[in-house]
Amino acid sequence: MIDLQNISFDHHKTPIFKELSLKIGKGETWAIVGPSGCGKTTLLSLVCGLLKPKAGQVMIDGMLLIKPRKQTGLILQDYGLLPWATIRDNILLGKKLQQFGLSTLFESNQRFETPEYDGWITKLGLYDLQEKYPHQLSGGQKQRAAIARTFILNPDLILLDEPFSALDGPTREALIEEIRSYISAQHTTLLMVTHSIDEAFVLCDHFLVILDAPNNSFETIHLESGTDRAETIERVKHLMRISMDNEDK
């Protein structure tokens, strides 16, 4: 599904990645963990097509990624909702872009319908909030709108960037369960940036631990059938402690 081939990337002349190679199979679920500033979000942006590597190639489904692809869904920590658009228009934003492009996106006479829309706004408890604006919603409601916007695209790849960190416990658990159920049913590939090991182990079976930012030191850990889950969790936490120690030096 995803093939990172010798990726190098600098930010303001500071090296973030140097010849990073990683393969992620169809339907696999990966967590990217590591200290602040190590390049977790940068890596997600490279896979999304929002950033281009200085060297190397990003391949998805055997195709060179040169711009954001329609089948990729991105769920952000800050929700990514347009403040001047209703929740309905925000949820339908990606679908409209897929079908009509940017030029006709906000034409007032355009009434857009998609069969997935009603199902998801009902399932995620947004039916009575369609005509409200983002500032009128709670954090959990806004995050559910962001999830609905992604799910109606029927993505084969979902990218998550710390999407639950600002939410209360019950809301966070409910949204994690919605995403877990979706990716399991659809065999969707997932790549998730998180500081929470507990969240990572609910959603992911594979872990990319960035050990020493901004240098190119990584370790991958795989939670496979028959492996000791508690032992794997402790291994990831041990590597996280190492990476935090490296950050403090």
Protein backbone atom coordinates (compact mmCIF):
# COMPACT_ATOMS: atom_id res chain seq x y z
CA MET A 1 0.00 0.00 0.00
CA ILE A 2 2.61 2.57 1.16
CA ASP A 3 6.23 2.36 0.08
CA LEU A 4 8.62 5.04 1.33
CA GLN A 5 11.82 4.76 -0.70
CA ASN A 6 14.90 6.47 0.75
CA ILE A 7 12.99 9.55 1.87
CA SER A 8 14.97 12.62 2.91
CA PHE A 9 13.41 15.84 4.13
CA ASP A 10 14.73 19.07 5.65
CA HIS A 11 12.84 21.80 7.49
CA HIS A 12 14.55 25.18 7.30
CA LYS A 13 17.83 23.35 6.62
CA THR A 14 17.34 21.10 9.66
CA PRO A 15 17.37 17.43 8.64
CA ILE A 16 14.22 15.59 9.68
CA PHE A 17 14.60 12.36 7.68
CA LYS A 18 17.56 10.91 5.85
CA GLU A 19 17.02 7.99 3.49
CA LEU A 20 14.06 6.61 5.43
CA SER A 21 12.54 3.47 3.88
CA LEU A 22 9.35 1.85 5.14
CA LYS A 23 6.71 -0.44 3.67
CA ILE A 24 3.13 -0.57 4.97
CA GLY A 25 0.82 -3.25 3.62
CA LYS A 26 -2.85 -2.95 2.65
CA GLY A 27 -5.07 -3.03 5.73
CA GLU A 28 -2.20 -2.63 8.19
CA THR A 29 -2.56 -0.24 11.13
CA TRP A 30 0.53 1.73 12.17
CA ALA A 31 1.25 4.15 15.03
CA ILE A 32 4.06 6.69 14.75
CA VAL A 33 5.40 7.58 18.19
CA GLY A 34 8.35 9.60 19.39
CA PRO A 35 9.36 12.87 21.07
CA SER A 36 8.01 16.27 20.07
CA GLY A 37 9.68 17.69 16.98
CA CYS A 38 10.97 14.36 15.71
CA GLY A 39 9.02 14.49 12.44
CA LYS A 40 5.86 12.50 13.16
CA THR A 41 3.48 15.01 11.57
CA THR A 42 5.99 15.67 8.78
CA LEU A 43 5.96 11.98 7.91
CA LEU A 44 2.16 12.00 7.83
CA SER A 45 2.20 15.05 5.54
CA LEU A 46 4.62 13.30 3.17
CA VAL A 47 2.33 10.26 2.97
CA CYS A 48 -0.68 12.57 2.45
CA GLY A 49 1.03 14.42 -0.38
CA LEU A 50 0.92 17.80 1.37
CA LEU A 51 4.73 17.83 1.50
CA LYS A 52 7.23 16.56 -1.05
CA PRO A 53 10.47 14.83 -0.05
CA LYS A 54 13.79 16.48 -0.81
CA ALA A 55 14.98 13.11 -2.09
CA GLY A 56 13.42 9.68 -2.48
CA GLN A 57 9.90 8.67 -3.47
CA VAL A 58 6.53 8.09 -1.83
CA MET A 59 4.66 5.29 -3.59
CA ILE A 60 1.05 4.39 -2.82
CA ASP A 61 -0.52 1.37 -4.52
CA GLY A 62 2.44 1.31 -6.91
CA MET A 63 1.88 4.91 -8.03
CA LEU A 64 4.25 7.80 -7.39
CA LEU A 65 2.58 10.30 -5.06
CA ILE A 66 2.88 13.81 -6.51
CA LYS A 67 -0.21 15.42 -4.92
CA PRO A 68 -2.91 14.53 -2.36
CA ARG A 69 -4.97 11.56 -3.52
CA LYS A 70 -8.76 11.32 -3.41
CA GLN A 71 -8.77 7.97 -1.60
CA THR A 72 -6.80 9.27 1.40
CA GLY A 73 -8.68 10.58 4.45
CA LEU A 74 -6.98 12.94 6.91
CA ILE A 75 -8.29 13.58 10.45
CA LEU A 76 -6.51 16.39 12.31
CA GLN A 77 -6.17 17.41 15.95
CA ASP A 78 -7.66 20.84 15.21
CA TYR A 79 -10.52 19.28 13.20
CA GLY A 80 -9.80 21.21 9.96
CA LEU A 81 -13.34 22.60 9.76
CA LEU A 82 -14.07 25.80 7.82
CA PRO A 83 -15.47 28.33 10.35
CA TRP A 84 -17.74 30.05 7.79
CA ALA A 85 -19.35 26.82 6.56
CA THR A 86 -22.14 24.83 8.18
CA ILE A 87 -21.43 21.39 9.57
CA ARG A 88 -23.26 19.92 6.58
CA ASP A 89 -21.03 21.77 4.12
CA ASN A 90 -17.92 20.89 6.11
CA ILE A 91 -18.78 17.20 6.07
CA LEU A 92 -19.52 17.26 2.34
CA LEU A 93 -16.41 19.29 1.51
CA GLY A 94 -14.16 16.40 0.48
CA LYS A 95 -16.89 14.67 -1.51
CA LYS A 96 -17.64 17.87 -3.44
CA LEU A 97 -13.96 18.32 -4.21
CA GLN A 98 -13.85 14.75 -5.51
CA GLN A 99 -16.74 15.24 -7.88
CA PHE A 100 -16.78 18.92 -8.87
CA GLY A 101 -13.38 20.42 -8.08
CA LEU A 102 -12.65 23.70 -6.36
CA SER A 103 -14.29 26.07 -8.87
CA THR A 104 -17.91 25.14 -8.05
CA LEU A 105 -17.39 24.15 -4.43
CA PHE A 106 -19.39 26.92 -2.76
CA GLU A 107 -21.95 27.81 -5.41
CA SER A 108 -25.13 28.60 -3.50
CA ASN A 109 -27.44 26.96 -6.05
CA GLN A 110 -25.67 23.64 -5.88
CA ARG A 111 -27.52 21.07 -3.74
CA PHE A 112 -25.26 18.11 -3.31
CA GLU A 113 -26.39 14.69 -2.10
CA THR A 114 -24.44 11.53 -1.36
CA PRO A 115 -25.91 8.26 -0.04
CA GLU A 116 -23.26 7.92 2.67
CA TYR A 117 -24.05 11.29 4.23
CA ASP A 118 -27.32 10.56 6.03
CA GLY A 119 -25.99 7.29 7.40
CA TRP A 120 -22.90 8.81 8.95
CA ILE A 121 -24.47 11.93 10.44
CA THR A 122 -27.06 9.70 12.11
CA LYS A 123 -24.50 7.18 13.32
CA LEU A 124 -22.25 9.90 14.73
CA GLY A 125 -25.04 11.89 16.36
CA LEU A 126 -24.82 14.93 14.05
CA TYR A 127 -28.28 14.92 12.49
CA ASP A 128 -29.61 17.85 14.55
CA LEU A 129 -26.37 19.84 14.12
CA GLN A 130 -26.20 20.01 10.32
CA GLU A 131 -27.01 23.71 9.97
CA LYS A 132 -24.87 24.87 12.88
CA TYR A 133 -21.37 26.31 12.53
CA PRO A 134 -18.16 24.96 14.10
CA HIS A 135 -18.05 27.63 16.83
CA GLN A 136 -21.45 26.41 18.05
CA LEU A 137 -20.21 22.85 18.63
CA SER A 138 -18.21 21.16 21.38
CA GLY A 139 -14.81 19.65 20.69
CA GLY A 140 -16.25 16.17 20.52
CA GLN A 141 -18.98 17.24 18.09
CA LYS A 142 -16.43 18.95 15.84
CA GLN A 143 -14.24 15.85 15.85
CA ARG A 144 -17.23 13.68 14.93
CA ALA A 145 -17.88 16.05 12.00
CA ALA A 146 -14.26 15.64 10.90
CA ILE A 147 -14.61 11.86 11.10
CA ALA A 148 -17.86 11.92 9.11
CA ARG A 149 -16.19 14.06 6.43
CA THR A 150 -13.49 11.41 6.10
CA PHE A 151 -15.73 8.34 6.23
CA ILE A 152 -18.12 9.47 3.46
CA LEU A 153 -15.11 9.48 1.11
CA ASN A 154 -14.82 5.69 1.55
CA PRO A 155 -11.03 6.07 1.94
CA ASP A 156 -8.63 3.16 1.52
CA LEU A 157 -6.07 5.03 3.65
CA ILE A 158 -6.79 7.01 6.83
CA LEU A 159 -4.20 9.32 8.40
CA LEU A 160 -4.70 10.51 11.99
CA ASP A 161 -2.71 13.36 13.55
CA GLU A 162 -3.31 13.43 17.34
CA PRO A 163 -7.08 13.55 16.75
CA PHE A 164 -8.17 12.68 20.31
CA SER A 165 -5.73 14.60 22.52
CA ALA A 166 -8.10 17.50 23.34
CA LEU A 167 -11.16 15.33 24.04
CA ASP A 168 -12.55 14.05 27.33
CA GLY A 169 -12.26 10.36 28.16
CA PRO A 170 -15.75 9.08 27.21
CA THR A 171 -15.80 11.07 23.94
CA ARG A 172 -12.30 9.88 23.06
CA GLU A 173 -13.18 6.25 23.71
CA ALA A 174 -16.38 6.46 21.64
CA LEU A 175 -14.61 8.00 18.63
CA ILE A 176 -11.72 5.54 18.82
CA GLU A 177 -14.24 2.70 18.76
CA GLU A 178 -15.98 4.19 15.69
CA ILE A 179 -12.68 4.38 13.81
CA ARG A 180 -11.61 0.91 14.97
CA SER A 181 -14.89 -0.61 13.77
CA TYR A 182 -14.66 1.18 10.41
CA ILE A 183 -11.09 0.18 9.56
CA SER A 184 -11.76 -3.41 10.63
CA ALA A 185 -14.89 -3.71 8.47
CA GLN A 186 -13.39 -1.96 5.43
CA HIS A 187 -9.85 -3.39 5.71
CA THR A 188 -8.61 0.20 5.60
CA THR A 189 -4.95 1.08 6.02
CA LEU A 190 -4.32 3.36 9.02
CA LEU A 191 -1.37 5.56 9.91
CA MET A 192 -1.66 7.38 13.23
CA VAL A 193 0.51 9.98 14.97
CA THR A 194 0.04 9.89 18.74
CA HIS A 195 1.71 10.51 22.09
CA SER A 196 -0.65 8.03 23.76
CA ILE A 197 0.61 4.44 23.85
CA ASP A 198 -2.80 3.28 25.11
CA GLU A 199 -4.60 4.81 22.10
CA ALA A 200 -2.01 3.34 19.77
CA PHE A 201 -2.54 -0.18 21.06
CA VAL A 202 -6.32 0.06 20.68
CA LEU A 203 -6.09 0.99 17.00
CA CYS A 204 -2.71 -0.29 15.76
CA ASP A 205 -0.78 -3.53 15.34
CA HIS A 206 2.48 -1.99 14.07
CA PHE A 207 4.64 0.75 15.58
CA LEU A 208 7.27 3.05 14.16
CA VAL A 209 9.21 4.45 17.11
CA ILE A 210 11.38 7.46 16.27
CA LEU A 211 14.23 7.28 18.75
CA ASP A 212 16.49 10.25 18.17
CA ALA A 213 15.17 13.38 16.46
CA PRO A 214 16.15 14.87 14.10
CA ASN A 215 18.51 12.02 13.22
CA ASN A 216 17.48 8.90 11.36
CA SER A 217 17.11 6.41 14.20
CA PHE A 218 13.98 4.24 14.14
CA GLU A 219 12.68 0.93 15.34
CA THR A 220 9.61 -0.99 14.17
CA ILE A 221 7.62 -3.27 16.45
CA HIS A 222 4.86 -5.61 15.31
CA LEU A 223 2.03 -6.99 17.43
CA GLU A 224 1.40 -10.34 15.78
CA SER A 225 -0.85 -13.27 16.61
CA GLY A 226 0.63 -15.31 19.42
CA THR A 227 2.86 -12.53 20.73
CA ASP A 228 2.64 -11.36 24.32
CA ARG A 229 0.67 -8.11 24.20
CA ALA A 230 1.86 -6.87 27.60
CA GLU A 231 5.47 -7.55 26.65
CA THR A 232 5.06 -5.67 23.36
CA ILE A 233 3.47 -2.69 25.13
CA GLU A 234 6.36 -2.58 27.59
CA ARG A 235 8.85 -2.73 24.71
CA VAL A 236 7.25 0.28 23.03
CA LYS A 237 7.15 2.20 26.33
CA HIS A 238 10.83 1.36 26.92
CA LEU A 239 11.75 2.74 23.50
CA MET A 240 9.65 5.83 24.18
CA ARG A 241 11.61 6.43 27.39
CA ILE A 242 14.84 6.17 25.39
CA SER A 243 13.57 8.66 22.83
CA MET A 244 12.49 11.08 25.56
CA ASP A 245 15.92 10.78 27.18
CA ASN A 246 17.51 11.58 23.81
CA GLU A 247 15.24 14.62 23.51
CA ASP A 248 16.39 15.96 26.89
CA LYS A 249 20.10 15.68 26.09
